[in-house]
PDB file of all heavy atoms in Angstrom:
ATOM      1  N   GLY A   1      25.601   6.296  19.846  1.00  0.00           N
ATOM      2  CA  GLY A   1      25.735   6.961  18.549  1.00  0.00           C
ATOM      3  C   GLY A   1      24.474   6.876  17.723  1.00  0.00           C
ATOM      4  O   GLY A   1      23.562   6.088  17.977  1.00  0.00           O
ATOM      5  N   ARG A   2      24.428   7.722  16.698  1.00  0.00           N
ATOM      6  CA  ARG A   2      23.232   7.820  15.853  1.00  0.00           C
ATOM      7  C   ARG A   2      22.998   6.547  15.056  1.00  0.00           C
ATOM      8  O   ARG A   2      23.953   5.948  14.534  1.00  0.00           O
ATOM      9  CB  ARG A   2      23.371   9.015  14.912  1.00  0.00           C
ATOM     10  CG  ARG A   2      22.212   9.191  13.951  1.00  0.00           C
ATOM     11  CD  ARG A   2      22.335  10.454  13.145  1.00  0.00           C
ATOM     12  NE  ARG A   2      22.130  11.630  13.993  1.00  0.00           N
ATOM     13  CZ  ARG A   2      22.281  12.861  13.592  1.00  0.00           C
ATOM     14  NH1 ARG A   2      22.682  13.122  12.352  1.00  0.00           N
ATOM     15  NH2 ARG A   2      22.064  13.869  14.417  1.00  0.00           N
ATOM     16  N   GLN A   3      21.754   6.157  14.922  1.00  0.00           N
ATOM     17  CA  GLN A   3      21.379   4.951  14.204  1.00  0.00           C
ATOM     18  C   GLN A   3      20.583   5.292  12.938  1.00  0.00           C
ATOM     19  O   GLN A   3      19.720   6.170  12.963  1.00  0.00           O
ATOM     20  CB  GLN A   3      20.501   4.042  15.069  1.00  0.00           C
ATOM     21  CG  GLN A   3      21.125   3.646  16.410  1.00  0.00           C
ATOM     22  CD  GLN A   3      20.144   2.899  17.268  1.00  0.00           C
ATOM     23  OE1 GLN A   3      20.272   1.681  17.452  1.00  0.00           O
ATOM     24  NE2 GLN A   3      19.124   3.585  17.803  1.00  0.00           N
ATOM     25  N   LEU A   4      20.883   4.588  11.883  1.00  0.00           N
ATOM     26  CA  LEU A   4      20.081   4.627  10.675  1.00  0.00           C
ATOM     27  C   LEU A   4      19.541   3.213  10.447  1.00  0.00           C
ATOM     28  O   LEU A   4      20.281   2.280  10.158  1.00  0.00           O
ATOM     29  CB  LEU A   4      20.902   5.047   9.429  1.00  0.00           C
ATOM     30  CG  LEU A   4      20.212   4.955   8.085  1.00  0.00           C
ATOM     31  CD1 LEU A   4      18.966   5.869   8.048  1.00  0.00           C
ATOM     32  CD2 LEU A   4      21.163   5.293   6.924  1.00  0.00           C
ATOM     33  N   PHE A   5      18.229   3.057  10.628  1.00  0.00           N
ATOM     34  CA  PHE A   5      17.588   1.776  10.351  1.00  0.00           C
ATOM     35  C   PHE A   5      17.191   1.760   8.866  1.00  0.00           C
ATOM     36  O   PHE A   5      16.687   2.760   8.341  1.00  0.00           O
ATOM     37  CB  PHE A   5      16.324   1.599  11.211  1.00  0.00           C
ATOM     38  CG  PHE A   5      16.621   1.193  12.616  1.00  0.00           C
ATOM     39  CD1 PHE A   5      16.919   2.138  13.585  1.00  0.00           C
ATOM     40  CD2 PHE A   5      16.606  -0.149  12.985  1.00  0.00           C
ATOM     41  CE1 PHE A   5      17.197   1.770  14.893  1.00  0.00           C
ATOM     42  CE2 PHE A   5      16.891  -0.522  14.278  1.00  0.00           C
ATOM     43  CZ  PHE A   5      17.188   0.432  15.238  1.00  0.00           C
ATOM     44  N   VAL A   6      17.448   0.628   8.220  1.00  0.00           N
ATOM     45  CA  VAL A   6      17.207   0.508   6.792  1.00  0.00           C
ATOM     46  C   VAL A   6      16.299  -0.681   6.549  1.00  0.00           C
ATOM     47  O   VAL A   6      16.553  -1.786   7.048  1.00  0.00           O
ATOM     48  CB  VAL A   6      18.545   0.320   6.027  1.00  0.00           C
ATOM     49  CG1 VAL A   6      18.305   0.120   4.558  1.00  0.00           C
ATOM     50  CG2 VAL A   6      19.471   1.512   6.271  1.00  0.00           C
ATOM     51  N   PHE A   7      15.217  -0.446   5.794  1.00  0.00           N
ATOM     52  CA  PHE A   7      14.265  -1.503   5.469  1.00  0.00           C
ATOM     53  C   PHE A   7      13.933  -1.336   3.992  1.00  0.00           C
ATOM     54  O   PHE A   7      13.053  -0.563   3.619  1.00  0.00           O
ATOM     55  CB  PHE A   7      13.023  -1.401   6.350  1.00  0.00           C
ATOM     56  CG  PHE A   7      12.156  -2.624   6.359  1.00  0.00           C
ATOM     57  CD1 PHE A   7      12.690  -3.887   6.479  1.00  0.00           C
ATOM     58  CD2 PHE A   7      10.765  -2.472   6.284  1.00  0.00           C
ATOM     59  CE1 PHE A   7      11.892  -5.010   6.507  1.00  0.00           C
ATOM     60  CE2 PHE A   7       9.951  -3.595   6.330  1.00  0.00           C
ATOM     61  CZ  PHE A   7      10.508  -4.879   6.414  1.00  0.00           C
ATOM     62  N   LEU A   8      14.625  -2.104   3.152  1.00  0.00           N
ATOM     63  CA  LEU A   8      14.588  -1.904   1.710  1.00  0.00           C
ATOM     64  C   LEU A   8      13.773  -2.984   1.014  1.00  0.00           C
ATOM     65  O   LEU A   8      13.192  -3.867   1.635  1.00  0.00           O
ATOM     66  CB  LEU A   8      16.014  -1.879   1.160  1.00  0.00           C
ATOM     67  CG  LEU A   8      16.942  -0.781   1.682  1.00  0.00           C
ATOM     68  CD1 LEU A   8      18.351  -0.945   1.123  1.00  0.00           C
ATOM     69  CD2 LEU A   8      16.403   0.595   1.337  1.00  0.00           C
ATOM     70  N   GLY A   9      13.736  -2.877  -0.310  1.00  0.00           N
ATOM     71  CA  GLY A   9      13.154  -3.939  -1.133  1.00  0.00           C
ATOM     72  C   GLY A   9      11.650  -3.901  -1.251  1.00  0.00           C
ATOM     73  O   GLY A   9      11.061  -4.811  -1.819  1.00  0.00           O
ATOM     74  N   GLY A  10      11.000  -2.898  -0.686  1.00  0.00           N
ATOM     75  CA  GLY A  10       9.527  -2.891  -0.693  1.00  0.00           C
ATOM     76  C   GLY A  10       8.932  -3.933   0.208  1.00  0.00           C
ATOM     77  O   GLY A  10       7.734  -4.254   0.131  1.00  0.00           O
ATOM     78  N   THR A  11       9.740  -4.480   1.148  1.00  0.00           N
ATOM     79  CA  THR A  11       9.270  -5.542   2.025  1.00  0.00           C
ATOM     80  C   THR A  11       8.136  -5.109   2.928  1.00  0.00           C
ATOM     81  O   THR A  11       7.317  -5.953   3.339  1.00  0.00           O
ATOM     82  CB  THR A  11      10.440  -6.080   2.875  1.00  0.00           C
ATOM     83  OG1 THR A  11      11.536  -6.418   2.001  1.00  0.00           O
ATOM     84  CG2 THR A  11      10.048  -7.327   3.645  1.00  0.00           C
ATOM     85  N   ILE A  12       8.019  -3.822   3.199  1.00  0.00           N
ATOM     86  CA  ILE A  12       6.930  -3.342   4.022  1.00  0.00           C
ATOM     87  C   ILE A  12       5.581  -3.698   3.355  1.00  0.00           C
ATOM     88  O   ILE A  12       4.569  -3.882   4.052  1.00  0.00           O
ATOM     89  CB  ILE A  12       7.016  -1.817   4.247  1.00  0.00           C
ATOM     90  CG1 ILE A  12       6.041  -1.339   5.313  1.00  0.00           C
ATOM     91  CG2 ILE A  12       6.852  -1.046   2.944  1.00  0.00           C
ATOM     92  CD1 ILE A  12       6.314  -1.864   6.684  1.00  0.00           C
ATOM     93  N   GLY A  13       5.588  -3.880   2.049  1.00  0.00           N
ATOM     94  CA  GLY A  13       4.380  -4.248   1.339  1.00  0.00           C
ATOM     95  C   GLY A  13       3.934  -5.672   1.587  1.00  0.00           C
ATOM     96  O   GLY A  13       2.777  -6.035   1.270  1.00  0.00           O
ATOM     97  N   ASN A  14       4.816  -6.502   2.128  1.00  0.00           N
ATOM     98  CA  ASN A  14       4.434  -7.893   2.443  1.00  0.00           C
ATOM     99  C   ASN A  14       3.575  -7.988   3.694  1.00  0.00           C
ATOM    100  O   ASN A  14       3.049  -9.067   4.002  1.00  0.00           O
ATOM    101  CB  ASN A  14       5.674  -8.755   2.604  1.00  0.00           C
ATOM    102  CG  ASN A  14       6.497  -8.903   1.367  1.00  0.00           C
ATOM    103  OD1 ASN A  14       7.719  -8.961   1.409  1.00  0.00           O
ATOM    104  ND2 ASN A  14       5.877  -8.925   0.187  1.00  0.00           N
ATOM    105  N   PHE A  15       3.442  -6.892   4.424  1.00  0.00           N
ATOM    106  CA  PHE A  15       2.606  -6.862   5.620  1.00  0.00           C
ATOM    107  C   PHE A  15       1.223  -6.344   5.281  1.00  0.00           C
ATOM    108  O   PHE A  15       1.064  -5.449   4.441  1.00  0.00           O
ATOM    109  CB  PHE A  15       3.214  -5.917   6.677  1.00  0.00           C
ATOM    110  CG  PHE A  15       4.570  -6.284   7.166  1.00  0.00           C
ATOM    111  CD1 PHE A  15       5.422  -5.300   7.636  1.00  0.00           C
ATOM    112  CD2 PHE A  15       5.014  -7.594   7.154  1.00  0.00           C
ATOM    113  CE1 PHE A  15       6.692  -5.608   8.092  1.00  0.00           C
ATOM    114  CE2 PHE A  15       6.283  -7.930   7.608  1.00  0.00           C
ATOM    115  CZ  PHE A  15       7.138  -6.931   8.088  1.00  0.00           C
ATOM    116  N   SER A  16       0.207  -6.874   5.962  1.00  0.00           N
ATOM    117  CA  SER A  16      -1.096  -6.238   5.901  1.00  0.00           C
ATOM    118  C   SER A  16      -1.002  -4.857   6.562  1.00  0.00           C
ATOM    119  O   SER A  16       0.020  -4.540   7.217  1.00  0.00           O
ATOM    120  CB  SER A  16      -2.146  -7.093   6.645  1.00  0.00           C
ATOM    121  OG  SER A  16      -1.889  -7.060   8.046  1.00  0.00           O
ATOM    122  N   GLU A  17      -2.042  -4.071   6.410  1.00  0.00           N
ATOM    123  CA  GLU A  17      -2.004  -2.720   7.018  1.00  0.00           C
ATOM    124  C   GLU A  17      -1.812  -2.820   8.529  1.00  0.00           C
ATOM    125  O   GLU A  17      -1.005  -2.077   9.105  1.00  0.00           O
ATOM    126  CB  GLU A  17      -3.296  -1.973   6.709  1.00  0.00           C
ATOM    127  CG  GLU A  17      -3.304  -0.551   7.251  1.00  0.00           C
ATOM    128  CD  GLU A  17      -4.530   0.216   6.830  1.00  0.00           C
ATOM    129  OE1 GLU A  17      -4.824   0.254   5.618  1.00  0.00           O
ATOM    130  OE2 GLU A  17      -5.215   0.798   7.700  1.00  0.00           O
ATOM    131  N   GLN A  18      -2.494  -3.731   9.160  1.00  0.00           N
ATOM    132  CA  GLN A  18      -2.368  -3.889  10.620  1.00  0.00           C
ATOM    133  C   GLN A  18      -0.992  -4.381  11.015  1.00  0.00           C
ATOM    134  O   GLN A  18      -0.393  -3.898  12.001  1.00  0.00           O
ATOM    135  CB  GLN A  18      -3.444  -4.854  11.147  1.00  0.00           C
ATOM    136  CG  GLN A  18      -4.876  -4.404  10.956  1.00  0.00           C
ATOM    137  CD  GLN A  18      -5.390  -4.532   9.525  1.00  0.00           C
ATOM    138  OE1 GLN A  18      -4.820  -5.285   8.703  1.00  0.00           O
ATOM    139  NE2 GLN A  18      -6.459  -3.798   9.217  1.00  0.00           N
ATOM    140  N   GLU A  19      -0.460  -5.330  10.254  1.00  0.00           N
ATOM    141  CA  GLU A  19       0.895  -5.838  10.553  1.00  0.00           C
ATOM    142  C   GLU A  19       1.939  -4.746  10.338  1.00  0.00           C
ATOM    143  O   GLU A  19       2.887  -4.635  11.139  1.00  0.00           O
ATOM    144  CB  GLU A  19       1.186  -7.038   9.653  1.00  0.00           C
ATOM    145  CG  GLU A  19       0.403  -8.286   9.994  1.00  0.00           C
ATOM    146  CD  GLU A  19       0.491  -9.323   8.897  1.00  0.00           C
ATOM    147  OE1 GLU A  19       0.820  -8.982   7.730  1.00  0.00           O
ATOM    148  OE2 GLU A  19       0.191 -10.502   9.200  1.00  0.00           O
ATOM    149  N   ALA A  20       1.796  -3.962   9.297  1.00  0.00           N
ATOM    150  CA  ALA A  20       2.762  -2.860   9.030  1.00  0.00           C
ATOM    151  C   ALA A  20       2.707  -1.839  10.142  1.00  0.00           C
ATOM    152  O   ALA A  20       3.763  -1.344  10.584  1.00  0.00           O
ATOM    153  CB  ALA A  20       2.444  -2.205   7.682  1.00  0.00           C
ATOM    154  N   ASP A  21       1.517  -1.498  10.596  1.00  0.00           N
ATOM    155  CA  ASP A  21       1.382  -0.528  11.706  1.00  0.00           C
ATOM    156  C   ASP A  21       2.089  -1.064  12.956  1.00  0.00           C
ATOM    157  O   ASP A  21       2.823  -0.301  13.624  1.00  0.00           O
ATOM    158  CB  ASP A  21      -0.093  -0.258  12.005  1.00  0.00           C
ATOM    159  CG  ASP A  21      -0.744   0.617  10.940  1.00  0.00           C
ATOM    160  OD1 ASP A  21      -0.030   1.130  10.064  1.00  0.00           O
ATOM    161  OD2 ASP A  21      -1.966   0.789  10.996  1.00  0.00           O
ATOM    162  N   ARG A  22       1.884  -2.323  13.281  1.00  0.00           N
ATOM    163  CA  ARG A  22       2.515  -2.884  14.469  1.00  0.00           C
ATOM    164  C   ARG A  22       4.033  -2.916  14.319  1.00  0.00           C
ATOM    165  O   ARG A  22       4.768  -2.527  15.238  1.00  0.00           O
ATOM    166  CB  ARG A  22       1.988  -4.313  14.700  1.00  0.00           C
ATOM    167  CG  ARG A  22       2.628  -4.993  15.924  1.00  0.00           C
ATOM    168  CD  ARG A  22       2.193  -6.419  16.034  1.00  0.00           C
ATOM    169  NE  ARG A  22       2.791  -7.075  17.206  1.00  0.00           N
ATOM    170  CZ  ARG A  22       2.668  -8.349  17.496  1.00  0.00           C
ATOM    171  NH1 ARG A  22       1.979  -9.131  16.717  1.00  0.00           N
ATOM    172  NH2 ARG A  22       3.248  -8.850  18.567  1.00  0.00           N
ATOM    173  N   PHE A  23       4.506  -3.327  13.157  1.00  0.00           N
ATOM    174  CA  PHE A  23       5.942  -3.414  12.922  1.00  0.00           C
ATOM    175  C   PHE A  23       6.586  -2.023  13.016  1.00  0.00           C
ATOM    176  O   PHE A  23       7.630  -1.846  13.684  1.00  0.00           O
ATOM    177  CB  PHE A  23       6.203  -4.031  11.554  1.00  0.00           C
ATOM    178  CG  PHE A  23       7.619  -3.931  11.091  1.00  0.00           C
ATOM    179  CD1 PHE A  23       8.596  -4.780  11.597  1.00  0.00           C
ATOM    180  CD2 PHE A  23       8.001  -2.989  10.128  1.00  0.00           C
ATOM    181  CE1 PHE A  23       9.913  -4.657  11.165  1.00  0.00           C
ATOM    182  CE2 PHE A  23       9.306  -2.864   9.717  1.00  0.00           C
ATOM    183  CZ  PHE A  23      10.263  -3.716  10.238  1.00  0.00           C
ATOM    184  N   LEU A  24       6.012  -1.034  12.374  1.00  0.00           N
ATOM    185  CA  LEU A  24       6.593   0.301  12.356  1.00  0.00           C
ATOM    186  C   LEU A  24       6.523   0.957  13.752  1.00  0.00           C
ATOM    187  O   LEU A  24       7.456   1.687  14.121  1.00  0.00           O
ATOM    188  CB  LEU A  24       5.896   1.175  11.326  1.00  0.00           C
ATOM    189  CG  LEU A  24       6.212   0.838   9.875  1.00  0.00           C
ATOM    190  CD1 LEU A  24       5.298   1.572   8.928  1.00  0.00           C
ATOM    191  CD2 LEU A  24       7.665   1.102   9.537  1.00  0.00           C
ATOM    192  N   ARG A  25       5.495   0.674  14.530  1.00  0.00           N
ATOM    193  CA  ARG A  25       5.457   1.180  15.887  1.00  0.00           C
ATOM    194  C   ARG A  25       6.546   0.550  16.734  1.00  0.00           C
ATOM    195  O   ARG A  25       7.161   1.208  17.585  1.00  0.00           O
ATOM    196  CB  ARG A  25       4.073   0.946  16.497  1.00  0.00           C
ATOM    197  CG  ARG A  25       2.981   1.827  15.936  1.00  0.00           C
ATOM    198  CD  ARG A  25       1.678   1.702  16.716  1.00  0.00           C
ATOM    199  NE  ARG A  25       0.617   2.455  16.077  1.00  0.00           N
ATOM    200  CZ  ARG A  25      -0.443   1.887  15.473  1.00  0.00           C
ATOM    201  NH1 ARG A  25      -0.568   0.565  15.431  1.00  0.00           N
ATOM    202  NH2 ARG A  25      -1.371   2.656  14.917  1.00  0.00           N
ATOM    203  N   ASP A  26       6.753  -0.744  16.547  1.00  0.00           N
ATOM    204  CA  ASP A  26       7.838  -1.416  17.275  1.00  0.00           C
ATOM    205  C   ASP A  26       9.198  -0.831  16.889  1.00  0.00           C
ATOM    206  O   ASP A  26      10.047  -0.583  17.743  1.00  0.00           O
ATOM    207  CB  ASP A  26       7.767  -2.924  16.965  1.00  0.00           C
ATOM    208  CG  ASP A  26       8.790  -3.739  17.773  1.00  0.00           C
ATOM    209  OD1 ASP A  26       9.080  -3.357  18.929  1.00  0.00           O
ATOM    210  OD2 ASP A  26       9.256  -4.770  17.246  1.00  0.00           O
ATOM    211  N   LEU A  27       9.353  -0.567  15.590  1.00  0.00           N
ATOM    212  CA  LEU A  27      10.608   0.007  15.123  1.00  0.00           C
ATOM    213  C   LEU A  27      10.759   1.444  15.670  1.00  0.00           C
ATOM    214  O   LEU A  27      11.840   1.835  16.119  1.00  0.00           O
ATOM    215  CB  LEU A  27      10.631   0.037  13.607  1.00  0.00           C
ATOM    216  CG  LEU A  27      11.835   0.653  12.916  1.00  0.00           C
ATOM    217  CD1 LEU A  27      13.119   0.001  13.379  1.00  0.00           C
ATOM    218  CD2 LEU A  27      11.692   0.539  11.396  1.00  0.00           C
ATOM    219  N   ARG A  28       9.678   2.209  15.658  1.00  0.00           N
ATOM    220  CA  ARG A  28       9.743   3.575  16.187  1.00  0.00           C
ATOM    221  C   ARG A  28      10.208   3.590  17.643  1.00  0.00           C
ATOM    222  O   ARG A  28      10.955   4.497  18.047  1.00  0.00           O
ATOM    223  CB  ARG A  28       8.345   4.220  16.058  1.00  0.00           C
ATOM    224  CG  ARG A  28       8.111   5.481  16.852  1.00  0.00           C
ATOM    225  CD  ARG A  28       8.987   6.633  16.383  1.00  0.00           C
ATOM    226  NE  ARG A  28       8.826   7.806  17.216  1.00  0.00           N
ATOM    227  CZ  ARG A  28       9.483   8.046  18.345  1.00  0.00           C
ATOM    228  NH1 ARG A  28      10.342   7.166  18.822  1.00  0.00           N
ATOM    229  NH2 ARG A  28       9.269   9.162  19.021  1.00  0.00           N
ATOM    230  N   ALA A  29       9.820   2.592  18.417  1.00  0.00           N
ATOM    231  CA  ALA A  29      10.222   2.526  19.824  1.00  0.00           C
ATOM    232  C   ALA A  29      11.713   2.329  19.976  1.00  0.00           C
ATOM    233  O   ALA A  29      12.266   2.593  21.061  1.00  0.00           O
ATOM    234  CB  ALA A  29       9.444   1.419  20.540  1.00  0.00           C
ATOM    235  N   ARG A  30      12.401   1.857  18.939  1.00  0.00           N
ATOM    236  CA  ARG A  30      13.835   1.622  19.010  1.00  0.00           C
ATOM    237  C   ARG A  30      14.637   2.867  18.644  1.00  0.00           C
ATOM    238  O   ARG A  30      15.852   2.906  18.842  1.00  0.00           O
ATOM    239  CB  ARG A  30      14.251   0.494  18.025  1.00  0.00           C
ATOM    240  CG  ARG A  30      13.477  -0.792  18.210  1.00  0.00           C
ATOM    241  CD  ARG A  30      13.622  -1.379  19.590  1.00  0.00           C
ATOM    242  NE  ARG A  30      15.011  -1.627  19.926  1.00  0.00           N
ATOM    243  CZ  ARG A  30      15.448  -1.836  21.174  1.00  0.00           C
ATOM    244  NH1 ARG A  30      14.603  -1.809  22.179  1.00  0.00           N
ATOM    245  NH2 ARG A  30      16.721  -2.098  21.396  1.00  0.00           N
TER     246      ARG A  30
END
């Protein structure tokens, strides 16, 4: 079934640019 991933709170801002890129690519693979 369809998935909605939710990442709230502005937490993406706690990552450096490189960390955010790695995290989002890992998430994209899911």
